[in-house]
Amino acid sequence: MNERVAENMRRFPAASERDFALRRCSELLRGLLSGWPRRSRSLLVMGAGNVELVESAWEAGFDVTVQDNDAVRLERVGSVMGRRVACVFSAPDHLPFDDKSFDYAAASPTLDFAGNPEGVPAEMGRLSCGGVILIFFNAWSVFGLECRVRRTAAHGAAPDCLHNPYALAAAARKVWTGKKRAWASALPGPCRTWHGGFFWRRVNSLNFPLPVGAVAGLRVDFAPMYAGTPLILRNSEPAVSAKP
C-alpha cells in the first residue's frame, strides 16, 4: 500500500473507529456483491490493507486473488487467509494478467487512486469480465469534513485516503462509457456517533443508495451475470465468465 495512505490510515481518529469503519467497508462490499453470482467465480481484490474485506469476499463464495504493492500487507493477508487466496505483488495500474482474466474486480478502501485516478479503474476494467466495485472513504461526507478540519490545523490538507465520489464517478464514466452504475454508502454520522446510542447504531448500520456516508461504494456492471438458470432464462445466452 502507498506509504502516504498507510500514514493517513494510522492518523484515523481512533483505532476503534478505524476498525468499525473497516468492518462497515466489508459489509458494504457484501451488499454490493449480493447482486452478482459467486459460486465458481473469480474476484480480484486490489489493495490488501483490509484483511476482513478479503475474508468477506472469500466467504461470499468467490475464488479470490489479492493484489498489493506492499509486501508486508500481502504477507499479513497470507498469514490470515493461507492458501484460500492467491496473492500478487504488483502496481495497481499494471498487473501481470491477460485481459478478462477475472469475472470481477473490487478495490479495497486502502487503495490509492490519487496518483492515477483513471489508470487504476482502467486496469480493473481490462481484467474484469462482469464488473467492478470501488470501495473508498468519502471526502464528501461528515467524516470527510471532520478530517479536513482536524488536518487543517496540524497539516493543512485532507487525508490522502479520502476520495471525491464525483471525481471517481467521472473517471468511471470516462473509462466505462455506457455501463450500468449503482452507489451505496454507510456511516453518515460523525465519528463520535459510530458507537453511539440506539438511534445512531441503527443509522450507521444502514446502507444508503447515495454517496453520503463515510464509506462509499460504486458498482459498475459490464454485462448481465446470472447466479442460476431459472426456467425463463434456460434458452438465453450463457452468462459471461472468465472461466472456460
Protein backbone atom coordinates (compact mmCIF):
# COMPACT_ATOMS: atom_id res chain seq x y z
CA MET A 1 0.00 0.00 0.00
CA ASN A 2 1.17 3.53 -0.75
CA GLU A 3 3.13 4.93 2.23
CA ARG A 4 1.19 8.19 2.48
CA VAL A 5 -2.09 6.25 2.53
CA ALA A 6 -0.73 3.98 5.25
CA GLU A 7 0.33 7.01 7.27
CA ASN A 8 -3.11 8.60 6.95
CA MET A 9 -4.80 5.35 7.99
CA ARG A 10 -2.68 5.46 11.15
CA ARG A 11 -3.97 9.02 11.75
CA PHE A 12 -7.57 7.83 11.78
CA PRO A 13 -9.36 9.45 14.75
CA ALA A 14 -9.14 6.30 16.92
CA ALA A 15 -8.31 2.63 16.46
CA SER A 16 -11.83 1.56 17.45
CA GLU A 17 -13.35 3.95 14.91
CA ARG A 18 -10.96 2.78 12.20
CA ASP A 19 -11.78 -0.86 12.88
CA PHE A 20 -15.51 -0.11 12.91
CA ALA A 21 -15.22 1.72 9.59
CA LEU A 22 -13.28 -1.14 8.02
CA ARG A 23 -15.94 -3.61 9.20
CA ARG A 24 -18.59 -1.45 7.55
CA CYS A 25 -16.46 -1.49 4.39
CA SER A 26 -16.68 -5.29 4.41
CA GLU A 27 -20.44 -5.20 5.00
CA LEU A 28 -20.88 -2.65 2.22
CA LEU A 29 -18.89 -4.86 -0.14
CA ARG A 30 -21.07 -7.86 0.71
CA GLY A 31 -24.14 -5.81 -0.08
CA LEU A 32 -22.76 -4.72 -3.45
CA LEU A 33 -21.63 -8.27 -4.25
CA SER A 34 -25.06 -9.69 -3.48
CA GLY A 35 -26.30 -8.91 -6.99
CA TRP A 36 -23.54 -10.99 -8.59
CA PRO A 37 -23.20 -14.78 -8.86
CA ARG A 38 -20.39 -16.08 -6.68
CA ARG A 39 -20.04 -19.85 -6.94
CA SER A 40 -17.00 -20.76 -9.07
CA ARG A 41 -16.49 -17.09 -9.98
CA SER A 42 -13.17 -15.29 -9.67
CA LEU A 43 -12.68 -11.95 -7.91
CA LEU A 44 -9.60 -9.74 -7.91
CA VAL A 45 -9.32 -7.64 -4.73
CA MET A 46 -6.96 -4.72 -5.25
CA GLY A 47 -5.33 -3.38 -2.10
CA ALA A 48 -4.64 -5.82 0.74
CA GLY A 49 -4.92 -3.30 3.59
CA ASN A 50 -8.31 -4.61 4.78
CA VAL A 51 -7.94 -8.32 5.54
CA GLU A 52 -11.53 -8.54 6.78
CA LEU A 53 -12.75 -7.33 3.38
CA VAL A 54 -10.68 -10.04 1.66
CA GLU A 55 -12.09 -12.65 4.02
CA SER A 56 -15.64 -11.42 3.38
CA ALA A 57 -15.12 -11.81 -0.37
CA TRP A 58 -13.84 -15.36 0.10
CA GLU A 59 -16.70 -16.26 2.46
CA ALA A 60 -19.15 -14.97 -0.17
CA GLY A 61 -18.01 -17.85 -2.40
CA PHE A 62 -15.50 -16.25 -4.77
CA ASP A 63 -12.12 -17.58 -5.85
CA VAL A 64 -10.13 -14.60 -4.56
CA THR A 65 -6.84 -13.15 -5.79
CA VAL A 66 -5.37 -10.24 -3.80
CA GLN A 67 -3.12 -7.53 -5.24
CA ASP A 68 -0.95 -5.04 -3.39
CA ASN A 69 2.32 -3.18 -3.90
CA ASP A 70 3.24 -3.58 -0.22
CA ALA A 71 4.88 -6.91 0.63
CA VAL A 72 4.11 -6.56 4.34
CA ARG A 73 0.40 -6.19 3.65
CA LEU A 74 0.40 -9.19 1.34
CA GLU A 75 2.26 -11.26 3.93
CA ARG A 76 -0.36 -10.33 6.52
CA VAL A 77 -3.16 -11.44 4.20
CA GLY A 78 -1.30 -14.68 3.53
CA SER A 79 -0.83 -15.36 7.23
CA VAL A 80 -4.57 -14.91 7.87
CA MET A 81 -6.03 -16.48 4.74
CA GLY A 82 -3.40 -19.14 3.97
CA ARG A 83 -4.00 -20.99 0.72
CA ARG A 84 -7.58 -19.83 0.47
CA VAL A 85 -6.47 -16.83 -1.63
CA ALA A 86 -3.71 -16.10 -4.13
CA CYS A 87 -1.51 -13.04 -3.50
CA VAL A 88 0.14 -10.95 -6.22
CA PHE A 89 2.76 -8.25 -5.65
CA SER A 90 2.17 -5.62 -8.33
CA ALA A 91 1.44 -1.97 -9.04
CA PRO A 92 -2.34 -1.33 -9.10
CA ASP A 93 -2.29 0.13 -12.61
CA HIS A 94 -0.18 -2.62 -14.21
CA LEU A 95 -0.98 -6.21 -13.19
CA PRO A 96 0.64 -9.30 -14.75
CA PHE A 97 -2.59 -10.83 -16.08
CA ASP A 98 -4.15 -11.19 -19.52
CA ASP A 99 -7.29 -9.29 -20.47
CA LYS A 100 -10.52 -10.61 -18.89
CA SER A 101 -8.65 -12.90 -16.50
CA PHE A 102 -11.25 -12.43 -13.74
CA ASP A 103 -15.01 -12.39 -13.53
CA TYR A 104 -14.97 -9.33 -11.25
CA ALA A 105 -12.62 -6.86 -9.58
CA ALA A 106 -13.01 -4.86 -6.36
CA ALA A 107 -10.90 -2.06 -4.89
CA SER A 108 -10.20 -2.02 -1.15
CA PRO A 109 -10.66 1.33 0.67
CA THR A 110 -6.91 1.40 1.30
CA LEU A 111 -6.15 1.52 -2.44
CA ASP A 112 -4.74 4.88 -3.55
CA PHE A 113 -6.47 6.31 -6.63
CA ALA A 114 -4.93 9.76 -6.25
CA GLY A 115 -1.74 9.05 -8.18
CA ASN A 116 -3.58 7.64 -11.20
CA PRO A 117 -7.36 8.23 -10.92
CA GLU A 118 -8.12 6.79 -14.37
CA GLY A 119 -5.32 4.25 -14.68
CA VAL A 120 -6.46 2.06 -11.79
CA PRO A 121 -10.12 1.84 -12.94
CA ALA A 122 -8.93 1.20 -16.50
CA GLU A 123 -6.77 -1.69 -15.30
CA MET A 124 -9.67 -3.12 -13.29
CA GLY A 125 -11.88 -2.91 -16.37
CA ARG A 126 -9.24 -4.59 -18.52
CA LEU A 127 -9.05 -7.56 -16.17
CA SER A 128 -12.77 -7.99 -15.40
CA CYS A 129 -15.49 -9.65 -17.50
CA GLY A 130 -18.56 -8.84 -15.43
CA GLY A 131 -17.96 -5.67 -13.43
CA VAL A 132 -16.00 -3.78 -10.81
CA ILE A 133 -16.59 -2.31 -7.35
CA LEU A 134 -14.74 0.68 -5.89
CA ILE A 135 -14.86 0.96 -2.07
CA PHE A 136 -13.38 4.15 -0.59
CA PHE A 137 -13.54 6.68 2.23
CA ASN A 138 -15.76 9.54 1.10
CA ALA A 139 -14.37 13.08 1.16
CA TRP A 140 -17.90 14.46 0.65
CA SER A 141 -19.26 13.22 3.98
CA VAL A 142 -19.46 14.42 7.59
CA PHE A 143 -16.43 12.25 8.30
CA GLY A 144 -14.57 13.85 5.39
CA LEU A 145 -15.37 17.29 6.78
CA GLU A 146 -14.11 16.21 10.22
CA CYS A 147 -10.86 15.02 8.68
CA ARG A 148 -10.33 18.26 6.80
CA VAL A 149 -10.95 20.34 9.92
CA ARG A 150 -8.60 18.22 12.03
CA ARG A 151 -5.88 18.09 9.41
CA THR A 152 -6.13 21.79 8.54
CA ALA A 153 -4.91 22.80 11.98
CA ALA A 154 -1.96 20.41 12.00
CA HIS A 155 -1.13 19.53 8.42
CA GLY A 156 -3.04 21.83 6.08
CA ALA A 157 -4.53 19.10 3.89
CA ALA A 158 -7.18 16.39 3.92
CA PRO A 159 -6.08 12.75 4.35
CA ASP A 160 -4.99 11.06 1.14
CA CYS A 161 -7.18 8.04 1.88
CA LEU A 162 -10.28 10.21 1.24
CA HIS A 163 -11.64 10.43 -2.29
CA ASN A 164 -14.18 12.62 -4.06
CA PRO A 165 -17.04 10.31 -5.18
CA TYR A 166 -17.99 12.61 -8.05
CA ALA A 167 -14.42 12.64 -9.36
CA LEU A 168 -14.32 8.84 -9.23
CA ALA A 169 -17.72 8.68 -10.92
CA ALA A 170 -16.43 10.99 -13.67
CA ALA A 171 -13.37 8.76 -14.14
CA ALA A 172 -15.65 5.70 -14.25
CA ARG A 173 -17.85 7.28 -16.92
CA LYS A 174 -14.80 8.15 -18.99
CA VAL A 175 -13.29 4.66 -18.70
CA TRP A 176 -16.53 2.62 -18.79
CA THR A 177 -18.86 4.51 -21.12
CA GLY A 178 -22.50 3.46 -21.05
CA LYS A 179 -22.18 0.88 -18.27
CA LYS A 180 -24.74 0.46 -15.50
CA ARG A 181 -23.66 2.02 -12.19
CA ALA A 182 -25.01 1.78 -8.64
CA TRP A 183 -23.98 3.62 -5.46
CA ALA A 184 -24.06 2.53 -1.83
CA SER A 185 -22.68 4.14 1.32
CA ALA A 186 -22.66 3.77 5.11
CA LEU A 187 -21.71 5.70 8.26
CA PRO A 188 -23.48 9.02 7.58
CA GLY A 189 -22.89 10.33 11.12
CA PRO A 190 -19.75 11.89 12.63
CA CYS A 191 -17.12 9.62 14.20
CA ARG A 192 -18.36 10.06 17.75
CA THR A 193 -21.74 8.56 16.77
CA TRP A 194 -20.32 5.33 15.30
CA HIS A 195 -20.51 3.69 18.74
CA GLY A 196 -23.42 5.85 19.92
CA GLY A 197 -26.84 5.01 21.29
CA PHE A 198 -29.64 3.00 19.71
CA PHE A 199 -30.62 5.64 17.12
CA TRP A 200 -27.11 6.20 15.80
CA ARG A 201 -26.29 2.48 15.84
CA ARG A 202 -29.27 1.87 13.62
CA VAL A 203 -28.50 4.77 11.28
CA ASN A 204 -24.81 3.91 10.95
CA SER A 205 -25.67 0.26 10.28
CA LEU A 206 -27.83 1.12 7.26
CA ASN A 207 -26.68 1.23 3.65
CA PHE A 208 -27.76 4.25 1.59
CA PRO A 209 -28.16 4.38 -2.21
CA LEU A 210 -26.18 7.63 -2.48
CA PRO A 211 -22.54 8.50 -1.58
CA VAL A 212 -23.46 10.34 1.63
CA GLY A 213 -21.65 8.18 4.21
CA ALA A 214 -18.04 7.99 5.34
CA VAL A 215 -17.66 4.70 3.46
CA ALA A 216 -18.90 4.66 -0.14
CA GLY A 217 -19.02 2.08 -2.88
CA LEU A 218 -19.55 2.32 -6.63
CA ARG A 219 -20.50 -0.81 -8.58
CA VAL A 220 -20.24 -0.88 -12.36
CA ASP A 221 -21.84 -3.79 -14.23
CA PHE A 222 -20.32 -4.66 -17.59
CA ALA A 223 -22.71 -7.48 -18.55
CA PRO A 224 -25.68 -9.36 -17.07
CA MET A 225 -24.42 -12.16 -14.84
CA TYR A 226 -26.84 -14.76 -13.55
CA ALA A 227 -26.36 -16.89 -10.44
CA GLY A 228 -28.58 -19.74 -11.61
CA THR A 229 -30.61 -20.96 -14.54
CA PRO A 230 -34.26 -20.08 -13.88
CA LEU A 231 -36.70 -21.56 -16.41
CA ILE A 232 -37.27 -18.24 -18.12
CA LEU A 233 -33.54 -17.99 -18.88
CA ARG A 234 -32.78 -21.55 -19.95
CA ASN A 235 -32.87 -20.63 -23.64
CA SER A 236 -30.90 -17.43 -23.13
CA GLU A 237 -27.24 -16.98 -23.91
CA PRO A 238 -24.93 -18.14 -21.10
CA ALA A 239 -23.54 -15.59 -18.66
CA VAL A 240 -20.19 -14.04 -19.41
CA SER A 241 -17.36 -15.54 -17.35
CA ALA A 242 -13.59 -15.54 -17.18
CA LYS A 243 -13.70 -19.32 -16.70
CA PRO A 244 -13.78 -21.62 -19.76
